[in-house]
């Protein structure tokens, strides 16, 4: 139990040390963004945001296309597995029929007697 409490204490202490730096980093990023926006001006800012939106849309379209291709490939694989399963089943049925014919054929009778 003491070991667990020690681990918990160390984790809490690390959290107290790391949390302020994380908050500072986030604030610094916000300030940097505001400074960038102020430097660019409103027209440039609109263009930059439009370019970002276009990039996001292009990435989203690309992700959707990749997902659609993956789904199509999975569907083709599933179809191939089904066809293969049907072929295996057909071969098994054919083998059973051949075996049944061999058992019923008159040529097989002397073999059984021997």
N, C-alpha and C. Protein backbone atom coordinates (compact mmCIF):
# COMPACT_ATOMS: atom_id res chain seq x y z
N UNK A 1 0.83 -1.19 0.00
CA UNK A 1 0.00 0.00 0.00
C UNK A 1 0.87 1.26 0.00
N UNK A 2 1.98 1.19 0.75
CA UNK A 2 2.88 2.35 0.79
C UNK A 2 3.49 2.62 -0.59
N UNK A 3 3.82 1.55 -1.29
CA UNK A 3 4.39 1.72 -2.62
C UNK A 3 3.39 2.40 -3.55
N UNK A 4 2.14 1.98 -3.47
CA UNK A 4 1.09 2.59 -4.28
C UNK A 4 0.96 4.08 -3.94
N UNK A 5 0.97 4.41 -2.68
CA UNK A 5 0.85 5.81 -2.26
C UNK A 5 2.06 6.62 -2.75
N UNK A 6 3.24 6.00 -2.70
CA UNK A 6 4.43 6.70 -3.19
C UNK A 6 4.32 6.97 -4.69
N UNK A 7 3.87 5.97 -5.45
CA UNK A 7 3.67 6.17 -6.89
C UNK A 7 2.65 7.27 -7.15
N UNK A 8 1.57 7.25 -6.40
CA UNK A 8 0.53 8.26 -6.56
C UNK A 8 1.08 9.65 -6.25
N UNK A 9 1.89 9.75 -5.20
CA UNK A 9 2.49 11.02 -4.82
C UNK A 9 3.42 11.53 -5.93
N UNK A 10 4.23 10.64 -6.49
CA UNK A 10 5.16 11.03 -7.55
C UNK A 10 4.39 11.50 -8.78
N UNK A 11 3.33 10.78 -9.13
CA UNK A 11 2.53 11.17 -10.29
C UNK A 11 1.87 12.53 -10.06
N UNK A 12 1.33 12.75 -8.87
CA UNK A 12 0.70 14.03 -8.55
C UNK A 12 1.74 15.15 -8.60
N UNK A 13 2.92 14.89 -8.08
CA UNK A 13 3.98 15.89 -8.09
C UNK A 13 4.39 16.23 -9.52
N UNK A 14 4.52 15.22 -10.37
CA UNK A 14 4.84 15.48 -11.77
C UNK A 14 3.73 16.28 -12.44
N UNK A 15 2.48 15.96 -12.11
CA UNK A 15 1.36 16.72 -12.66
C UNK A 15 1.42 18.18 -12.25
N UNK A 16 1.75 18.43 -11.01
CA UNK A 16 1.85 19.82 -10.53
C UNK A 16 3.00 20.56 -11.21
N UNK A 17 4.03 19.84 -11.57
CA UNK A 17 5.17 20.48 -12.24
C UNK A 17 4.85 20.73 -13.72
N UNK A 18 4.22 19.75 -14.37
CA UNK A 18 3.99 19.83 -15.81
C UNK A 18 2.79 20.71 -16.16
N UNK A 19 1.77 20.73 -15.33
CA UNK A 19 0.54 21.47 -15.64
C UNK A 19 0.79 22.95 -15.93
N UNK A 20 1.54 23.68 -15.11
CA UNK A 20 1.76 25.10 -15.43
C UNK A 20 2.49 25.31 -16.77
N UNK A 21 3.44 24.45 -17.07
CA UNK A 21 4.15 24.62 -18.34
C UNK A 21 3.22 24.34 -19.51
N UNK A 22 2.32 23.38 -19.37
CA UNK A 22 1.35 23.09 -20.42
C UNK A 22 0.41 24.27 -20.63
N UNK A 23 -0.09 24.83 -19.56
CA UNK A 23 -0.98 25.99 -19.66
C UNK A 23 -0.23 27.16 -20.31
N UNK A 24 1.01 27.38 -19.91
CA UNK A 24 1.81 28.45 -20.51
C UNK A 24 2.02 28.24 -21.99
N UNK A 25 2.28 27.02 -22.37
CA UNK A 25 2.47 26.70 -23.79
C UNK A 25 1.20 27.00 -24.59
N UNK A 26 0.06 26.61 -24.06
CA UNK A 26 -1.20 26.87 -24.75
C UNK A 26 -1.47 28.37 -24.88
N UNK A 27 -1.20 29.12 -23.83
CA UNK A 27 -1.38 30.58 -23.89
C UNK A 27 -0.43 31.19 -24.92
N UNK A 28 0.79 30.70 -24.94
CA UNK A 28 1.78 31.22 -25.87
C UNK A 28 1.34 30.97 -27.32
N UNK A 29 0.79 29.81 -27.58
CA UNK A 29 0.29 29.52 -28.93
C UNK A 29 -0.84 30.46 -29.31
N UNK A 30 -1.73 30.75 -28.36
CA UNK A 30 -2.84 31.66 -28.64
C UNK A 30 -2.32 33.06 -28.94
N UNK A 31 -1.34 33.51 -28.17
CA UNK A 31 -0.75 34.83 -28.39
C UNK A 31 -0.05 34.87 -29.75
N UNK A 32 0.69 33.80 -30.07
CA UNK A 32 1.36 33.75 -31.38
C UNK A 32 0.36 33.83 -32.52
N UNK A 33 -0.75 33.13 -32.37
CA UNK A 33 -1.78 33.17 -33.42
C UNK A 33 -2.34 34.58 -33.56
N UNK A 34 -2.59 35.25 -32.43
CA UNK A 34 -3.12 36.62 -32.48
C UNK A 34 -2.11 37.56 -33.14
N UNK A 35 -0.84 37.39 -32.82
CA UNK A 35 0.19 38.24 -33.44
C UNK A 35 0.26 37.99 -34.95
N UNK A 36 0.18 36.74 -35.35
CA UNK A 36 0.20 36.41 -36.77
C UNK A 36 -0.98 37.04 -37.49
N UNK A 37 -2.15 36.95 -36.87
CA UNK A 37 -3.35 37.54 -37.47
C UNK A 37 -3.20 39.05 -37.59
N UNK A 38 -2.63 39.68 -36.58
CA UNK A 38 -2.45 41.13 -36.62
C UNK A 38 -1.46 41.52 -37.72
N UNK A 39 -0.41 40.72 -37.91
CA UNK A 39 0.57 41.02 -38.94
C UNK A 39 -0.01 40.84 -40.34
N UNK A 40 -0.80 39.83 -40.53
CA UNK A 40 -1.34 39.54 -41.86
C UNK A 40 -2.37 40.56 -42.31
N UNK A 41 -3.12 41.05 -41.40
CA UNK A 41 -4.21 41.94 -41.76
C UNK A 41 -5.45 41.13 -42.08
N UNK A 42 -6.56 41.82 -42.20
CA UNK A 42 -7.83 41.11 -42.35
C UNK A 42 -7.96 40.40 -43.69
N UNK A 43 -7.58 41.04 -44.78
CA UNK A 43 -7.73 40.41 -46.10
C UNK A 43 -6.85 39.17 -46.22
N UNK A 44 -5.61 39.32 -45.80
CA UNK A 44 -4.71 38.17 -45.84
C UNK A 44 -5.19 37.07 -44.90
N UNK A 45 -5.75 37.49 -43.79
CA UNK A 45 -6.25 36.52 -42.82
C UNK A 45 -7.39 35.70 -43.43
N UNK A 46 -8.29 36.39 -44.14
CA UNK A 46 -9.40 35.68 -44.78
C UNK A 46 -8.87 34.68 -45.81
N UNK A 47 -7.88 35.12 -46.59
CA UNK A 47 -7.30 34.21 -47.59
C UNK A 47 -6.61 33.02 -46.93
N UNK A 48 -5.89 33.28 -45.85
CA UNK A 48 -5.21 32.20 -45.15
C UNK A 48 -6.22 31.21 -44.57
N UNK A 49 -7.29 31.73 -44.00
CA UNK A 49 -8.33 30.85 -43.45
C UNK A 49 -9.01 30.05 -44.56
N UNK A 50 -9.24 30.70 -45.70
CA UNK A 50 -9.86 30.00 -46.83
C UNK A 50 -8.95 28.87 -47.32
N UNK A 51 -7.64 29.15 -47.39
CA UNK A 51 -6.69 28.11 -47.80
C UNK A 51 -6.68 26.95 -46.80
N UNK A 52 -6.73 27.30 -45.52
CA UNK A 52 -6.77 26.24 -44.49
C UNK A 52 -8.03 25.40 -44.65
N UNK A 53 -9.16 26.07 -44.88
CA UNK A 53 -10.42 25.35 -45.05
C UNK A 53 -10.35 24.44 -46.28
N UNK A 54 -9.76 24.95 -47.37
CA UNK A 54 -9.61 24.12 -48.58
C UNK A 54 -8.74 22.91 -48.31
N UNK A 55 -7.64 23.13 -47.58
CA UNK A 55 -6.76 22.01 -47.25
C UNK A 55 -7.49 20.97 -46.41
N UNK A 56 -8.26 21.46 -45.42
CA UNK A 56 -9.01 20.53 -44.57
C UNK A 56 -10.01 19.73 -45.40
N UNK A 57 -10.73 20.42 -46.31
CA UNK A 57 -11.70 19.73 -47.16
C UNK A 57 -11.01 18.71 -48.06
N UNK A 58 -9.87 19.09 -48.61
CA UNK A 58 -9.13 18.16 -49.48
C UNK A 58 -8.67 16.94 -48.68
N UNK A 59 -8.19 17.16 -47.48
CA UNK A 59 -7.77 16.04 -46.63
C UNK A 59 -8.96 15.15 -46.29
N UNK A 60 -10.09 15.78 -46.02
CA UNK A 60 -11.29 15.02 -45.68
C UNK A 60 -11.75 14.19 -46.89
N UNK A 61 -11.73 14.80 -48.09
CA UNK A 61 -12.11 14.06 -49.30
C UNK A 61 -11.17 12.89 -49.53
N UNK A 62 -9.88 13.15 -49.33
CA UNK A 62 -8.90 12.09 -49.52
C UNK A 62 -9.14 10.96 -48.52
N UNK A 63 -9.42 11.31 -47.28
CA UNK A 63 -9.70 10.28 -46.28
C UNK A 63 -10.96 9.50 -46.64
N UNK A 64 -11.98 10.20 -47.14
CA UNK A 64 -13.21 9.52 -47.54
C UNK A 64 -12.96 8.58 -48.72
N UNK A 65 -12.14 9.02 -49.68
CA UNK A 65 -11.81 8.16 -50.82
C UNK A 65 -11.04 6.92 -50.37
N UNK A 66 -10.08 7.12 -49.47
CA UNK A 66 -9.32 5.98 -48.96
C UNK A 66 -10.23 5.00 -48.23
N UNK A 67 -11.16 5.55 -47.45
CA UNK A 67 -12.10 4.70 -46.72
C UNK A 67 -12.98 3.93 -47.69
N UNK A 68 -13.46 4.61 -48.74
CA UNK A 68 -14.30 3.94 -49.73
C UNK A 68 -13.51 2.84 -50.45
N UNK A 69 -12.26 3.13 -50.80
CA UNK A 69 -11.42 2.12 -51.46
C UNK A 69 -11.20 0.93 -50.54
N UNK A 70 -10.96 1.21 -49.27
CA UNK A 70 -10.75 0.13 -48.30
C UNK A 70 -12.00 -0.72 -48.17
N UNK A 71 -13.16 -0.06 -48.13
CA UNK A 71 -14.42 -0.82 -48.03
C UNK A 71 -14.63 -1.67 -49.28
N UNK A 72 -14.33 -1.11 -50.46
CA UNK A 72 -14.47 -1.88 -51.69
C UNK A 72 -13.54 -3.08 -51.69
N UNK A 73 -12.30 -2.87 -51.23
CA UNK A 73 -11.35 -3.98 -51.18
C UNK A 73 -11.83 -5.05 -50.21
N UNK A 74 -12.36 -4.63 -49.07
CA UNK A 74 -12.88 -5.60 -48.10
C UNK A 74 -14.07 -6.36 -48.69
N UNK A 75 -14.92 -5.65 -49.44
CA UNK A 75 -16.07 -6.31 -50.07
C UNK A 75 -15.59 -7.32 -51.10
N UNK A 76 -14.58 -6.95 -51.90
CA UNK A 76 -14.04 -7.89 -52.88
C UNK A 76 -13.43 -9.12 -52.20
N UNK A 77 -12.72 -8.88 -51.08
CA UNK A 77 -12.14 -10.00 -50.35
C UNK A 77 -13.23 -10.91 -49.79
N UNK A 78 -14.28 -10.31 -49.25
CA UNK A 78 -15.39 -11.11 -48.71
C UNK A 78 -16.05 -11.91 -49.82
N UNK A 79 -16.23 -11.29 -50.97
CA UNK A 79 -16.83 -11.99 -52.11
C UNK A 79 -15.93 -13.13 -52.57
N UNK A 80 -14.63 -12.90 -52.61
CA UNK A 80 -13.69 -13.95 -53.00
C UNK A 80 -13.73 -15.10 -52.01
N UNK A 81 -13.83 -14.78 -50.71
CA UNK A 81 -13.93 -15.84 -49.70
C UNK A 81 -15.21 -16.64 -49.88
N UNK A 82 -16.31 -15.95 -50.19
CA UNK A 82 -17.58 -16.65 -50.40
C UNK A 82 -17.49 -17.56 -51.62
N UNK A 83 -16.90 -17.06 -52.71
CA UNK A 83 -16.75 -17.87 -53.93
C UNK A 83 -15.89 -19.09 -53.62
N UNK A 84 -14.80 -18.87 -52.91
CA UNK A 84 -13.92 -19.98 -52.56
C UNK A 84 -14.64 -21.00 -51.68
N UNK A 85 -15.44 -20.51 -50.73
CA UNK A 85 -16.19 -21.43 -49.87
C UNK A 85 -17.19 -22.24 -50.70
N UNK A 86 -17.85 -21.58 -51.66
CA UNK A 86 -18.79 -22.30 -52.53
C UNK A 86 -18.06 -23.35 -53.37
N UNK A 87 -16.88 -22.99 -53.88
CA UNK A 87 -16.11 -23.94 -54.67
C UNK A 87 -15.69 -25.14 -53.83
N UNK A 88 -15.25 -24.89 -52.62
CA UNK A 88 -14.85 -25.98 -51.72
C UNK A 88 -16.05 -26.86 -51.44
N UNK A 89 -17.18 -26.25 -51.16
CA UNK A 89 -18.39 -27.02 -50.89
C UNK A 89 -18.79 -27.84 -52.11
N UNK A 90 -18.69 -27.25 -53.31
CA UNK A 90 -19.03 -27.98 -54.54
C UNK A 90 -18.08 -29.16 -54.73
N UNK A 91 -16.78 -28.96 -54.46
CA UNK A 91 -15.82 -30.06 -54.58
C UNK A 91 -16.13 -31.17 -53.58
N UNK A 92 -16.53 -30.78 -52.36
CA UNK A 92 -16.87 -31.79 -51.35
C UNK A 92 -18.10 -32.58 -51.78
N UNK A 93 -19.11 -31.88 -52.31
CA UNK A 93 -20.33 -32.56 -52.77
C UNK A 93 -19.98 -33.50 -53.92
N UNK A 94 -19.16 -33.01 -54.85
CA UNK A 94 -18.75 -33.84 -55.98
C UNK A 94 -17.98 -35.07 -55.50
N UNK A 95 -17.10 -34.89 -54.53
CA UNK A 95 -16.34 -36.02 -54.00
C UNK A 95 -17.27 -37.03 -53.34
N UNK A 96 -18.28 -36.55 -52.61
CA UNK A 96 -19.24 -37.46 -51.98
C UNK A 96 -20.03 -38.22 -53.04
N UNK A 97 -20.42 -37.53 -54.11
CA UNK A 97 -21.17 -38.18 -55.19
C UNK A 97 -20.32 -39.25 -55.87
N UNK A 98 -19.06 -38.93 -56.13
CA UNK A 98 -18.16 -39.90 -56.75
C UNK A 98 -17.99 -41.10 -55.83
N UNK A 99 -17.83 -40.84 -54.56
CA UNK A 99 -17.68 -41.92 -53.58
C UNK A 99 -18.95 -42.78 -53.53
N UNK A 100 -20.11 -42.14 -53.58
CA UNK A 100 -21.37 -42.88 -53.55
C UNK A 100 -21.51 -43.72 -54.82
N UNK A 101 -21.11 -43.20 -55.97
CA UNK A 101 -21.18 -43.96 -57.22
C UNK A 101 -20.25 -45.17 -57.18
N UNK A 102 -19.07 -44.98 -56.58
CA UNK A 102 -18.12 -46.08 -56.50
C UNK A 102 -18.65 -47.19 -55.60
N UNK A 103 -19.33 -46.81 -54.52
CA UNK A 103 -19.90 -47.80 -53.61
C UNK A 103 -21.04 -48.53 -54.29
N UNK A 104 -21.84 -47.84 -55.09
CA UNK A 104 -23.00 -48.44 -55.74
C UNK A 104 -22.64 -49.18 -57.02
N UNK A 105 -21.52 -48.92 -57.62
CA UNK A 105 -21.18 -49.52 -58.91
C UNK A 105 -20.91 -51.02 -58.76
N UNK A 106 -21.22 -51.81 -59.79
CA UNK A 106 -21.00 -53.26 -59.72
C UNK A 106 -19.51 -53.61 -59.68
N UNK A 107 -18.67 -52.75 -60.16
CA UNK A 107 -17.23 -53.02 -60.13
C UNK A 107 -16.71 -53.05 -58.70
N UNK A 108 -17.38 -52.32 -57.82
CA UNK A 108 -16.94 -52.27 -56.43
C UNK A 108 -17.32 -53.53 -55.68
N UNK A 109 -18.32 -54.27 -56.15
CA UNK A 109 -18.78 -55.48 -55.45
C UNK A 109 -17.69 -56.53 -55.34
N UNK A 110 -16.96 -56.88 -56.41
CA UNK A 110 -15.90 -57.89 -56.26
C UNK A 110 -14.81 -57.43 -55.30
N UNK A 111 -14.58 -56.17 -55.23
CA UNK A 111 -13.55 -55.66 -54.31
C UNK A 111 -13.96 -55.93 -52.87
N UNK A 112 -15.25 -55.78 -52.60
CA UNK A 112 -15.70 -56.01 -51.23
C UNK A 112 -15.64 -57.49 -50.88
N UNK A 113 -15.89 -58.35 -51.85
CA UNK A 113 -15.90 -59.78 -51.58
C UNK A 113 -14.48 -60.30 -51.39
N UNK A 114 -13.56 -59.69 -52.01
CA UNK A 114 -12.18 -60.17 -51.93
C UNK A 114 -11.58 -59.85 -50.64
